[in-house]
Amino acid sequence: MVGERRASRRALLKDAGAGLAAAGAFGLLGCGRSAPATAGTGGTSSTPIVPSDVSILAAALELERRTVAAYVAAIPLLDHDNAPMGRTFLEEELEQTGELIVLIRMAGGKASPRANSYAIGRARDQPQALALLHGFERLQIASYLQWVPRLSTASTRAAVASVMAADAQHIAVLRATSGEPALASAFVTGED
């Protein structure tokens, strides 16, 4: 099933030209401070996540959770052709929340419980649903562009930048689905 999901995602991204959108996200991997590597288990070297990163990771988790709520609300408004894309992106957003929870725990923090509901706005049809999702994905990119350079370790920056790259791919596909160019410009800034 994982292979099928990746294959269908690849087809969506190929059609939208989203690979270019994600490329900009990886430019941030070298940004920010670095911490010395420490010996990990099994003789491998790993860089620990530091507690000062927990507040950034917690803010990212809450934003991801709001985006999950937006997908849950929007998917029923998508037509037969676009609902699978929405479900795939919802699955990826859920995986991203799990990744952020793991990072928070690795930093010695505790993820806050999920809220009972999130203020996400209201959509009544497919165009409004796509606009809602696009808005949340843009907000994620804009936030990650601020947060990634502030993270203390290269490994944490890389993990969070990979979440941002997936969101950049989502934006490209959502734009293409709405009849817009997959990329608003050559650079992903969160303000497309």
C-alpha atoms as a PDB file:
ATOM      1  CA  MET A   1       0.000   0.000   0.000  1.00  0.00           C
ATOM      2  CA  VAL A   2       2.845   2.392   0.819  1.00  0.00           C
ATOM      3  CA  GLY A   3       4.308   1.843  -2.646  1.00  0.00           C
ATOM      4  CA  GLU A   4       0.922   2.517  -4.241  1.00  0.00           C
ATOM      5  CA  ARG A   5       0.498   5.713  -2.207  1.00  0.00           C
ATOM      6  CA  ARG A   6       3.959   6.933  -3.174  1.00  0.00           C
ATOM      7  CA  ALA A   7       3.324   6.091  -6.824  1.00  0.00           C
ATOM      8  CA  SER A   8       0.061   8.040  -6.883  1.00  0.00           C
ATOM      9  CA  ARG A   9       1.711  10.931  -5.075  1.00  0.00           C
ATOM     10  CA  ARG A  10       4.517  10.901  -7.615  1.00  0.00           C
ATOM     11  CA  ALA A  11       1.977  11.090 -10.419  1.00  0.00           C
ATOM     12  CA  LEU A  12       0.264  14.057  -8.773  1.00  0.00           C
ATOM     13  CA  LEU A  13       3.552  15.845  -8.253  1.00  0.00           C
ATOM     14  CA  LYS A  14       4.771  15.123 -11.755  1.00  0.00           C
ATOM     15  CA  ASP A  15       1.621  16.632 -13.215  1.00  0.00           C
ATOM     16  CA  ALA A  16       1.963  19.723 -11.067  1.00  0.00           C
ATOM     17  CA  GLY A  17       5.694  20.187 -11.429  1.00  0.00           C
ATOM     18  CA  ALA A  18       5.983  20.265  -7.664  1.00  0.00           C
ATOM     19  CA  GLY A  19       9.542  19.042  -7.544  1.00  0.00           C
ATOM     20  CA  LEU A  20      10.679  22.604  -8.135  1.00  0.00           C
ATOM     21  CA  ALA A  21       8.650  23.845  -5.171  1.00  0.00           C
ATOM     22  CA  ALA A  22      10.229  21.359  -2.816  1.00  0.00           C
ATOM     23  CA  ALA A  23      13.769  22.157  -3.941  1.00  0.00           C
ATOM     24  CA  GLY A  24      13.628  25.567  -2.302  1.00  0.00           C
ATOM     25  CA  ALA A  25      12.805  24.008   1.039  1.00  0.00           C
ATOM     26  CA  PHE A  26      16.069  22.120   1.203  1.00  0.00           C
ATOM     27  CA  GLY A  27      18.088  25.334   0.912  1.00  0.00           C
ATOM     28  CA  LEU A  28      17.408  25.916   4.588  1.00  0.00           C
ATOM     29  CA  LEU A  29      19.112  22.753   5.782  1.00  0.00           C
ATOM     30  CA  GLY A  30      22.429  24.502   6.358  1.00  0.00           C
ATOM     31  CA  CYS A  31      20.907  27.560   8.042  1.00  0.00           C
ATOM     32  CA  GLY A  32      21.163  28.350  11.725  1.00  0.00           C
ATOM     33  CA  ARG A  33      23.413  27.147  14.510  1.00  0.00           C
ATOM     34  CA  SER A  34      24.951  23.726  14.706  1.00  0.00           C
ATOM     35  CA  ALA A  35      25.686  21.653  17.767  1.00  0.00           C
ATOM     36  CA  PRO A  36      28.488  19.156  18.187  1.00  0.00           C
ATOM     37  CA  ALA A  37      27.589  15.560  17.485  1.00  0.00           C
ATOM     38  CA  THR A  38      27.467  13.200  20.431  1.00  0.00           C
ATOM     39  CA  ALA A  39      27.897   9.478  20.535  1.00  0.00           C
ATOM     40  CA  GLY A  40      24.601   7.688  19.981  1.00  0.00           C
ATOM     41  CA  THR A  41      23.585   4.124  20.575  1.00  0.00           C
ATOM     42  CA  GLY A  42      25.132   1.368  18.572  1.00  0.00           C
ATOM     43  CA  GLY A  43      28.302   3.355  17.865  1.00  0.00           C
ATOM     44  CA  THR A  44      26.625   5.793  15.485  1.00  0.00           C
ATOM     45  CA  SER A  45      26.947   9.540  15.807  1.00  0.00           C
ATOM     46  CA  SER A  46      23.798  11.556  16.367  1.00  0.00           C
ATOM     47  CA  THR A  47      23.005  15.141  17.221  1.00  0.00           C
ATOM     48  CA  PRO A  48      20.590  15.537  20.112  1.00  0.00           C
ATOM     49  CA  ILE A  49      17.576  17.796  19.951  1.00  0.00           C
ATOM     50  CA  VAL A  50      17.857  20.528  22.539  1.00  0.00           C
ATOM     51  CA  PRO A  51      15.044  21.611  24.874  1.00  0.00           C
ATOM     52  CA  SER A  52      15.093  25.184  23.538  1.00  0.00           C
ATOM     53  CA  ASP A  53      13.688  23.832  20.263  1.00  0.00           C
ATOM     54  CA  VAL A  54      10.579  22.450  21.960  1.00  0.00           C
ATOM     55  CA  SER A  55       8.643  25.732  21.715  1.00  0.00           C
ATOM     56  CA  ILE A  56       9.238  25.905  17.947  1.00  0.00           C
ATOM     57  CA  LEU A  57       8.329  22.241  17.503  1.00  0.00           C
ATOM     58  CA  ALA A  58       5.191  22.704  19.634  1.00  0.00           C
ATOM     59  CA  ALA A  59       4.085  25.671  17.495  1.00  0.00           C
ATOM     60  CA  ALA A  60       4.717  23.596  14.348  1.00  0.00           C
ATOM     61  CA  LEU A  61       2.670  20.728  15.794  1.00  0.00           C
ATOM     62  CA  GLU A  62      -0.306  22.982  16.503  1.00  0.00           C
ATOM     63  CA  LEU A  63      -0.160  24.407  12.980  1.00  0.00           C
ATOM     64  CA  GLU A  64      -0.020  20.891  11.508  1.00  0.00           C
ATOM     65  CA  ARG A  65      -3.003  19.891  13.637  1.00  0.00           C
ATOM     66  CA  ARG A  66      -5.014  22.871  12.349  1.00  0.00           C
ATOM     67  CA  THR A  67      -4.111  21.871   8.810  1.00  0.00           C
ATOM     68  CA  VAL A  68      -5.267  18.305   9.510  1.00  0.00           C
ATOM     69  CA  ALA A  69      -8.607  19.733  10.691  1.00  0.00           C
ATOM     70  CA  ALA A  70      -8.830  21.774   7.476  1.00  0.00           C
ATOM     71  CA  TYR A  71      -8.284  18.659   5.336  1.00  0.00           C
ATOM     72  CA  VAL A  72     -10.887  16.699   7.323  1.00  0.00           C
ATOM     73  CA  ALA A  73     -13.406  19.503   6.721  1.00  0.00           C
ATOM     74  CA  ALA A  74     -12.480  20.064   3.064  1.00  0.00           C
ATOM     75  CA  ILE A  75     -12.281  16.507   1.699  1.00  0.00           C
ATOM     76  CA  PRO A  76     -16.078  15.978   1.586  1.00  0.00           C
ATOM     77  CA  LEU A  77     -16.314  19.078  -0.635  1.00  0.00           C
ATOM     78  CA  LEU A  78     -13.818  17.754  -3.185  1.00  0.00           C
ATOM     79  CA  ASP A  79     -15.082  16.008  -6.307  1.00  0.00           C
ATOM     80  CA  HIS A  80     -14.403  12.388  -7.229  1.00  0.00           C
ATOM     81  CA  ASP A  81     -11.174  13.295  -9.044  1.00  0.00           C
ATOM     82  CA  ASN A  82      -9.713  15.465  -6.252  1.00  0.00           C
ATOM     83  CA  ALA A  83     -10.825  13.633  -3.100  1.00  0.00           C
ATOM     84  CA  PRO A  84      -8.000  11.030  -3.366  1.00  0.00           C
ATOM     85  CA  MET A  85      -5.456  13.859  -3.462  1.00  0.00           C
ATOM     86  CA  GLY A  86      -7.050  15.350  -0.342  1.00  0.00           C
ATOM     87  CA  ARG A  87      -6.943  12.006   1.461  1.00  0.00           C
ATOM     88  CA  THR A  88      -3.289  11.478   0.490  1.00  0.00           C
ATOM     89  CA  PHE A  89      -2.348  14.927   1.769  1.00  0.00           C
ATOM     90  CA  LEU A  90      -4.342  14.334   4.965  1.00  0.00           C
ATOM     91  CA  GLU A  91      -2.367  11.122   5.565  1.00  0.00           C
ATOM     92  CA  GLU A  92       0.885  13.013   5.029  1.00  0.00           C
ATOM     93  CA  GLU A  93      -0.177  15.806   7.395  1.00  0.00           C
ATOM     94  CA  LEU A  94      -1.025  13.181  10.035  1.00  0.00           C
ATOM     95  CA  GLU A  95       2.409  11.594   9.544  1.00  0.00           C
ATOM     96  CA  GLN A  96       3.981  15.030   9.964  1.00  0.00           C
ATOM     97  CA  THR A  97       2.199  15.542  13.287  1.00  0.00           C
ATOM     98  CA  GLY A  98       3.629  12.204  14.413  1.00  0.00           C
ATOM     99  CA  GLU A  99       7.119  13.223  13.335  1.00  0.00           C
ATOM    100  CA  LEU A 100       6.853  16.480  15.286  1.00  0.00           C
ATOM    101  CA  ILE A 101       5.607  14.652  18.395  1.00  0.00           C
ATOM    102  CA  VAL A 102       8.631  12.345  18.208  1.00  0.00           C
ATOM    103  CA  LEU A 103      10.975  15.342  17.885  1.00  0.00           C
ATOM    104  CA  ILE A 104       9.345  17.031  20.890  1.00  0.00           C
ATOM    105  CA  ARG A 105       9.778  13.858  22.955  1.00  0.00           C
ATOM    106  CA  MET A 106      13.393  13.480  21.833  1.00  0.00           C
ATOM    107  CA  ALA A 107      14.001  17.006  23.130  1.00  0.00           C
ATOM    108  CA  GLY A 108      12.617  16.014  26.521  1.00  0.00           C
ATOM    109  CA  GLY A 109       9.312  17.805  26.027  1.00  0.00           C
ATOM    110  CA  LYS A 110       5.743  16.617  26.047  1.00  0.00           C
ATOM    111  CA  ALA A 111       3.375  17.352  23.173  1.00  0.00           C
ATOM    112  CA  SER A 112       0.227  19.143  24.223  1.00  0.00           C
ATOM    113  CA  PRO A 113      -3.008  17.234  23.726  1.00  0.00           C
ATOM    114  CA  ARG A 114      -4.923  17.792  20.503  1.00  0.00           C
ATOM    115  CA  ALA A 115      -7.697  20.375  20.797  1.00  0.00           C
ATOM    116  CA  ASN A 116     -11.311  19.275  20.457  1.00  0.00           C
ATOM    117  CA  SER A 117     -11.732  21.662  17.521  1.00  0.00           C
ATOM    118  CA  TYR A 118      -9.747  24.231  15.556  1.00  0.00           C
ATOM    119  CA  ALA A 119     -10.783  27.536  14.011  1.00  0.00           C
ATOM    120  CA  ILE A 120     -10.230  26.860  10.324  1.00  0.00           C
ATOM    121  CA  GLY A 121     -12.831  28.914   8.521  1.00  0.00           C
ATOM    122  CA  ARG A 122     -15.650  27.609   6.399  1.00  0.00           C
ATOM    123  CA  ALA A 123     -15.781  26.343   2.849  1.00  0.00           C
ATOM    124  CA  ARG A 124     -19.007  25.534   1.005  1.00  0.00           C
ATOM    125  CA  ASP A 125     -17.763  24.123  -2.303  1.00  0.00           C
ATOM    126  CA  GLN A 126     -14.683  22.719  -3.976  1.00  0.00           C
ATOM    127  CA  PRO A 127     -13.096  26.052  -5.002  1.00  0.00           C
ATOM    128  CA  GLN A 128     -13.487  27.363  -1.455  1.00  0.00           C
ATOM    129  CA  ALA A 129     -12.153  24.091  -0.016  1.00  0.00           C
ATOM    130  CA  LEU A 130      -9.077  24.245  -2.263  1.00  0.00           C
ATOM    131  CA  ALA A 131      -8.528  27.890  -1.291  1.00  0.00           C
ATOM    132  CA  LEU A 132      -8.826  26.987   2.394  1.00  0.00           C
ATOM    133  CA  LEU A 133      -6.278  24.179   2.072  1.00  0.00           C
ATOM    134  CA  HIS A 134      -3.961  26.364   0.002  1.00  0.00           C
ATOM    135  CA  GLY A 135      -4.106  29.039   2.695  1.00  0.00           C
ATOM    136  CA  PHE A 136      -3.128  26.611   5.442  1.00  0.00           C
ATOM    137  CA  GLU A 137      -0.293  25.143   3.375  1.00  0.00           C
ATOM    138  CA  ARG A 138       0.989  28.684   2.650  1.00  0.00           C
ATOM    139  CA  LEU A 139       0.834  29.517   6.357  1.00  0.00           C
ATOM    140  CA  GLN A 140       2.859  26.394   7.106  1.00  0.00           C
ATOM    141  CA  ILE A 141       5.550  27.325   4.575  1.00  0.00           C
ATOM    142  CA  ALA A 142       5.765  30.907   5.862  1.00  0.00           C
ATOM    143  CA  SER A 143       6.056  29.637   9.439  1.00  0.00           C
ATOM    144  CA  TYR A 144       8.642  26.968   8.635  1.00  0.00           C
ATOM    145  CA  LEU A 145      10.752  29.505   6.756  1.00  0.00           C
ATOM    146  CA  GLN A 146      10.981  31.447  10.031  1.00  0.00           C
ATOM    147  CA  TRP A 147      11.375  28.431  12.314  1.00  0.00           C
ATOM    148  CA  VAL A 148      13.894  26.207  10.524  1.00  0.00           C
ATOM    149  CA  PRO A 149      16.890  28.602  10.806  1.00  0.00           C
ATOM    150  CA  ARG A 150      16.162  29.063  14.528  1.00  0.00           C
ATOM    151  CA  LEU A 151      16.407  25.350  15.333  1.00  0.00           C
ATOM    152  CA  SER A 152      19.604  24.408  17.171  1.00  0.00           C
ATOM    153  CA  THR A 153      20.789  21.286  15.403  1.00  0.00           C
ATOM    154  CA  ALA A 154      21.285  20.318  11.802  1.00  0.00           C
ATOM    155  CA  SER A 155      19.370  17.072  12.312  1.00  0.00           C
ATOM    156  CA  THR A 156      16.335  18.902  13.699  1.00  0.00           C
ATOM    157  CA  ARG A 157      16.500  21.474  10.895  1.00  0.00           C
ATOM    158  CA  ALA A 158      16.657  18.636   8.350  1.00  0.00           C
ATOM    159  CA  ALA A 159      13.667  16.836   9.876  1.00  0.00           C
ATOM    160  CA  VAL A 160      11.535  19.981   9.985  1.00  0.00           C
ATOM    161  CA  ALA A 161      12.687  21.065   6.509  1.00  0.00           C
ATOM    162  CA  SER A 162      11.482  17.716   5.143  1.00  0.00           C
ATOM    163  CA  VAL A 163       8.033  18.480   6.589  1.00  0.00           C
ATOM    164  CA  MET A 164       8.202  21.885   4.907  1.00  0.00           C
ATOM    165  CA  ALA A 165       9.183  20.272   1.600  1.00  0.00           C
ATOM    166  CA  ALA A 166       6.085  18.061   1.703  1.00  0.00           C
ATOM    167  CA  ASP A 167       3.963  21.148   2.343  1.00  0.00           C
ATOM    168  CA  ALA A 168       5.589  22.875  -0.634  1.00  0.00           C
ATOM    169  CA  GLN A 169       4.585  19.902  -2.774  1.00  0.00           C
ATOM    170  CA  HIS A 170       1.028  20.169  -1.460  1.00  0.00           C
ATOM    171  CA  ILE A 171       0.902  23.846  -2.439  1.00  0.00           C
ATOM    172  CA  ALA A 172       2.035  23.085  -5.979  1.00  0.00           C
ATOM    173  CA  VAL A 173      -0.607  20.393  -6.439  1.00  0.00           C
ATOM    174  CA  LEU A 174      -3.365  22.495  -4.857  1.00  0.00           C
ATOM    175  CA  ARG A 175      -2.479  25.412  -7.136  1.00  0.00           C
ATOM    176  CA  ALA A 176      -2.515  23.176 -10.211  1.00  0.00           C
ATOM    177  CA  THR A 177      -5.829  21.638  -9.123  1.00  0.00           C
ATOM    178  CA  SER A 178      -7.273  25.159  -8.857  1.00  0.00           C
ATOM    179  CA  GLY A 179      -6.127  25.940 -12.408  1.00  0.00           C
ATOM    180  CA  GLU A 180      -3.179  28.105 -11.330  1.00  0.00           C
ATOM    181  CA  PRO A 181       0.482  27.588 -12.215  1.00  0.00           C
ATOM    182  CA  ALA A 182       2.058  25.093  -9.786  1.00  0.00           C
ATOM    183  CA  LEU A 183       4.578  27.755  -8.797  1.00  0.00           C
ATOM    184  CA  ALA A 184       3.814  31.435  -8.352  1.00  0.00           C
ATOM    185  CA  SER A 185       7.505  32.254  -8.773  1.00  0.00           C
ATOM    186  CA  ALA A 186      10.879  30.556  -8.988  1.00  0.00           C
ATOM    187  CA  PHE A 187      11.263  30.726  -5.197  1.00  0.00           C
ATOM    188  CA  VAL A 188       8.934  29.347  -2.537  1.00  0.00           C
ATOM    189  CA  THR A 189       8.476  32.060   0.070  1.00  0.00           C
ATOM    190  CA  GLY A 190       5.152  31.217   1.631  1.00  0.00           C
ATOM    191  CA  GLU A 191       3.688  34.297  -0.052  1.00  0.00           C
ATOM    192  CA  ASP A 192       2.733  32.791  -3.381  1.00  0.00           C
END
